[in-house]
Amino acid sequence: MRLTTLPAFYHNPEYIKALSQSIADGLKDFEYDHILFSYHGIPERHIRKSDPTKYHCKIDGSCCRINSVAHNTCYRHQVYETTELVKAELGLDETKVSSSFQSRLAGDPWLKPYTDYEFERLAKEGKKRLAVITPAFVSDCLETLEEIAMEGKEQFTEAGGESYKHIPCLNDNDAWVKVMADWVNNWMETGELPA
């Protein structure tokens, strides 16, 4: 059996355009105080293990901004870069956007800030209208639909928030399907995968 895997596409311009348009469509008719990009969490030790240099990733807030070959395998860098690229594509106000990490298990430090804590923090800081997107997933699942769309709304409103909008994942979005079809066609014709 021959397997082909797609490289990380977090910075692919076609993906960023499709994701950004999906977010823009999700924000229509919703006036927000803040947009939270909630990514799936992973243990911090996984970030360090995936660093081919064995010294770059420090999870200190600055290593993701210093250019390194480690970014090719660093999930933390890739999700923050996704947020930055979408902010630039949509011209989002820097002060109204943040990223967080959902889903964690006890016993290990996981990437922070934790999404469930952010729901509470943002509401207590006076953010009354919150939009949430989960771009680590291209398709909605129990985690995005129950943990974020339902439980997240409950946590946010219980902490004082008033309006909550879960923006769906790309799912079968026409622009996203076209991007994937183009990638497959290009691979079939040239043997090259998107960069």
Protein backbone atom coordinates (compact mmCIF):
# COMPACT_ATOMS: atom_id res chain seq x y z
CA MET A 1 0.00 0.00 0.00
CA ARG A 2 1.36 3.42 -0.91
CA LEU A 3 0.60 6.28 1.48
CA THR A 4 1.02 9.97 0.81
CA THR A 5 0.70 12.46 3.62
CA LEU A 6 -0.05 16.12 3.25
CA PRO A 7 2.51 18.43 4.86
CA ALA A 8 1.34 21.02 7.39
CA PHE A 9 -0.69 23.60 5.48
CA TYR A 10 -1.20 26.17 8.25
CA HIS A 11 0.44 28.92 6.14
CA ASN A 12 -0.82 27.88 2.71
CA PRO A 13 -2.38 31.00 1.10
CA GLU A 14 -5.36 29.09 -0.37
CA TYR A 15 -6.14 27.52 2.99
CA ILE A 16 -5.85 30.88 4.78
CA LYS A 17 -8.20 32.49 2.22
CA ALA A 18 -10.79 29.72 2.59
CA LEU A 19 -10.57 29.79 6.39
CA SER A 20 -10.75 33.58 6.49
CA GLN A 21 -13.79 33.70 4.21
CA SER A 22 -15.51 31.06 6.34
CA ILE A 23 -14.84 33.14 9.45
CA ALA A 24 -16.05 36.33 7.74
CA ASP A 25 -19.25 34.53 6.72
CA GLY A 26 -19.69 33.27 10.30
CA LEU A 27 -19.31 36.79 11.67
CA LYS A 28 -22.00 38.29 9.43
CA ASP A 29 -24.72 39.81 11.57
CA PHE A 30 -22.73 39.20 14.77
CA GLU A 31 -21.21 42.18 16.49
CA TYR A 32 -18.38 40.83 18.63
CA ASP A 33 -16.18 42.22 21.39
CA HIS A 34 -13.63 39.45 20.94
CA ILE A 35 -12.74 36.51 18.68
CA LEU A 36 -11.14 33.48 20.30
CA PHE A 37 -9.19 31.06 18.12
CA SER A 38 -9.39 27.83 20.13
CA TYR A 39 -6.96 25.12 19.05
CA HIS A 40 -6.72 21.57 20.28
CA GLY A 41 -4.22 21.35 23.12
CA ILE A 42 -1.25 19.02 23.41
CA PRO A 43 1.21 18.38 26.24
CA GLU A 44 4.15 20.80 26.30
CA ARG A 45 6.55 17.85 26.21
CA HIS A 46 5.28 17.03 22.70
CA ILE A 47 6.43 20.45 21.52
CA ARG A 48 9.91 19.86 22.91
CA LYS A 49 10.08 16.32 21.50
CA SER A 50 9.16 17.53 18.01
CA ASP A 51 11.94 20.15 17.95
CA PRO A 52 14.61 18.80 15.56
CA THR A 53 17.17 21.29 16.94
CA LYS A 54 16.53 20.11 20.52
CA TYR A 55 17.01 23.68 21.79
CA HIS A 56 14.73 26.13 19.95
CA CYS A 57 11.30 25.40 21.48
CA LYS A 58 11.12 26.84 24.96
CA ILE A 59 7.38 27.60 25.07
CA ASP A 60 8.28 31.00 26.43
CA GLY A 61 6.25 33.28 24.17
CA SER A 62 9.20 34.33 21.99
CA CYS A 63 10.48 31.15 20.35
CA CYS A 64 7.51 31.06 17.97
CA ARG A 65 8.52 34.46 16.58
CA ILE A 66 12.18 33.61 15.99
CA ASN A 67 12.63 31.96 12.59
CA SER A 68 13.75 28.33 12.94
CA VAL A 69 13.63 24.99 11.17
CA ALA A 70 11.80 23.86 14.31
CA HIS A 71 8.68 25.63 13.02
CA ASN A 72 8.24 22.89 10.42
CA THR A 73 7.20 20.52 13.21
CA CYS A 74 6.14 22.91 15.96
CA TYR A 75 2.38 22.77 16.47
CA ARG A 76 2.41 25.79 18.78
CA HIS A 77 4.15 27.98 16.20
CA GLN A 78 1.83 26.74 13.46
CA VAL A 79 -1.40 27.57 15.31
CA TYR A 80 -0.20 31.02 16.32
CA GLU A 81 0.89 31.64 12.74
CA THR A 82 -2.55 30.58 11.51
CA THR A 83 -4.15 33.15 13.80
CA GLU A 84 -1.74 35.86 12.61
CA LEU A 85 -2.34 35.09 8.93
CA VAL A 86 -6.13 35.13 9.36
CA LYS A 87 -5.93 38.40 11.33
CA ALA A 88 -3.95 39.95 8.47
CA GLU A 89 -6.25 38.52 5.78
CA LEU A 90 -9.38 39.87 7.49
CA GLY A 91 -7.83 43.04 8.92
CA LEU A 92 -8.92 42.09 12.43
CA ASP A 93 -8.24 44.42 15.34
CA GLU A 94 -5.22 43.04 17.23
CA THR A 95 -6.84 43.88 20.57
CA LYS A 96 -9.96 41.83 19.81
CA VAL A 97 -8.30 38.51 18.92
CA SER A 98 -6.54 35.85 20.98
CA SER A 99 -5.67 32.16 20.82
CA SER A 100 -6.15 29.39 23.37
CA PHE A 101 -6.02 25.61 23.70
CA GLN A 102 -8.90 23.27 24.47
CA SER A 103 -9.02 19.71 25.78
CA ARG A 104 -6.38 18.54 28.19
CA LEU A 105 -5.72 15.68 30.56
CA ALA A 106 -4.40 15.88 34.11
CA GLY A 107 -0.85 14.97 34.99
CA ASP A 108 1.11 16.91 32.38
CA PRO A 109 1.39 20.62 31.63
CA TRP A 110 -0.48 21.30 28.38
CA LEU A 111 -0.26 24.31 26.10
CA LYS A 112 -1.78 27.45 27.63
CA PRO A 113 -3.89 29.48 27.89
CA TYR A 114 -6.67 26.99 28.41
CA THR A 115 -9.85 27.74 26.47
CA ASP A 116 -12.22 27.06 29.36
CA TYR A 117 -10.29 29.55 31.51
CA GLU A 118 -10.38 32.06 28.67
CA PHE A 119 -14.19 31.88 28.47
CA GLU A 120 -14.36 32.94 32.09
CA ARG A 121 -11.52 35.50 31.91
CA LEU A 122 -12.91 37.26 28.84
CA ALA A 123 -16.40 37.51 30.32
CA LYS A 124 -15.04 38.87 33.61
CA GLU A 125 -12.98 41.44 31.68
CA GLY A 126 -16.23 42.79 30.25
CA LYS A 127 -16.29 41.05 26.86
CA LYS A 128 -20.00 40.53 26.41
CA ARG A 129 -20.08 39.20 22.82
CA LEU A 130 -17.65 36.37 21.99
CA ALA A 131 -17.06 34.61 18.67
CA VAL A 132 -15.13 31.32 18.78
CA ILE A 133 -13.45 29.44 15.91
CA THR A 134 -11.65 26.08 16.12
CA PRO A 135 -9.23 26.05 13.17
CA ALA A 136 -7.21 23.01 14.34
CA PHE A 137 -10.13 21.02 12.94
CA VAL A 138 -11.24 21.15 9.32
CA SER A 139 -14.47 19.33 10.21
CA ASP A 140 -16.72 19.77 13.20
CA CYS A 141 -16.78 16.89 15.67
CA LEU A 142 -18.02 16.16 19.19
CA GLU A 143 -15.21 18.27 20.58
CA THR A 144 -16.06 21.38 18.58
CA LEU A 145 -19.83 20.94 18.80
CA GLU A 146 -20.20 19.90 22.42
CA GLU A 147 -17.09 21.17 24.23
CA ILE A 148 -16.84 24.51 22.42
CA ALA A 149 -20.26 25.32 20.92
CA MET A 150 -22.36 24.09 23.85
CA GLU A 151 -20.24 23.91 27.01
CA GLY A 152 -18.21 26.95 25.97
CA LYS A 153 -21.35 29.03 25.57
CA GLU A 154 -22.54 27.91 28.97
CA GLN A 155 -19.22 28.76 30.64
CA PHE A 156 -19.06 32.16 28.96
CA THR A 157 -22.62 33.17 29.83
CA GLU A 158 -22.35 31.88 33.41
CA ALA A 159 -19.28 34.10 33.84
CA GLY A 160 -21.20 37.18 32.64
CA GLY A 161 -21.03 37.01 28.86
CA GLU A 162 -24.18 37.79 26.91
CA SER A 163 -23.78 36.64 23.29
CA TYR A 164 -21.76 33.69 22.04
CA LYS A 165 -21.19 32.66 18.45
CA HIS A 166 -19.51 29.38 17.51
CA ILE A 167 -18.22 29.65 13.96
CA PRO A 168 -18.32 26.21 12.31
CA CYS A 169 -15.22 24.52 10.96
CA LEU A 170 -14.64 24.49 7.21
CA ASN A 171 -16.57 21.20 6.86
CA ASP A 172 -17.90 21.04 3.28
CA ASN A 173 -17.38 24.75 2.59
CA ASP A 174 -17.22 25.18 -1.21
CA ALA A 175 -13.99 27.19 -1.17
CA TRP A 176 -12.28 24.64 1.09
CA VAL A 177 -13.44 21.69 -1.03
CA LYS A 178 -12.05 23.44 -4.12
CA VAL A 179 -8.70 24.01 -2.38
CA MET A 180 -8.47 20.32 -1.45
CA ALA A 181 -9.52 19.20 -4.94
CA ASP A 182 -6.87 21.46 -6.48
CA TRP A 183 -4.23 20.00 -4.14
CA VAL A 184 -5.20 16.45 -5.10
CA ASN A 185 -5.28 17.28 -8.83
CA ASN A 186 -1.89 18.96 -8.61
CA TRP A 187 -0.45 15.97 -6.79
CA MET A 188 -1.92 13.58 -9.36
CA GLU A 189 -0.45 15.62 -12.23
CA THR A 190 2.93 16.63 -10.79
CA GLY A 191 3.54 14.51 -7.72
CA GLU A 192 3.95 17.74 -5.71
CA LEU A 193 2.02 18.54 -2.58
CA PRO A 194 1.14 22.11 -1.51
CA ALA A 195 3.75 24.08 0.38
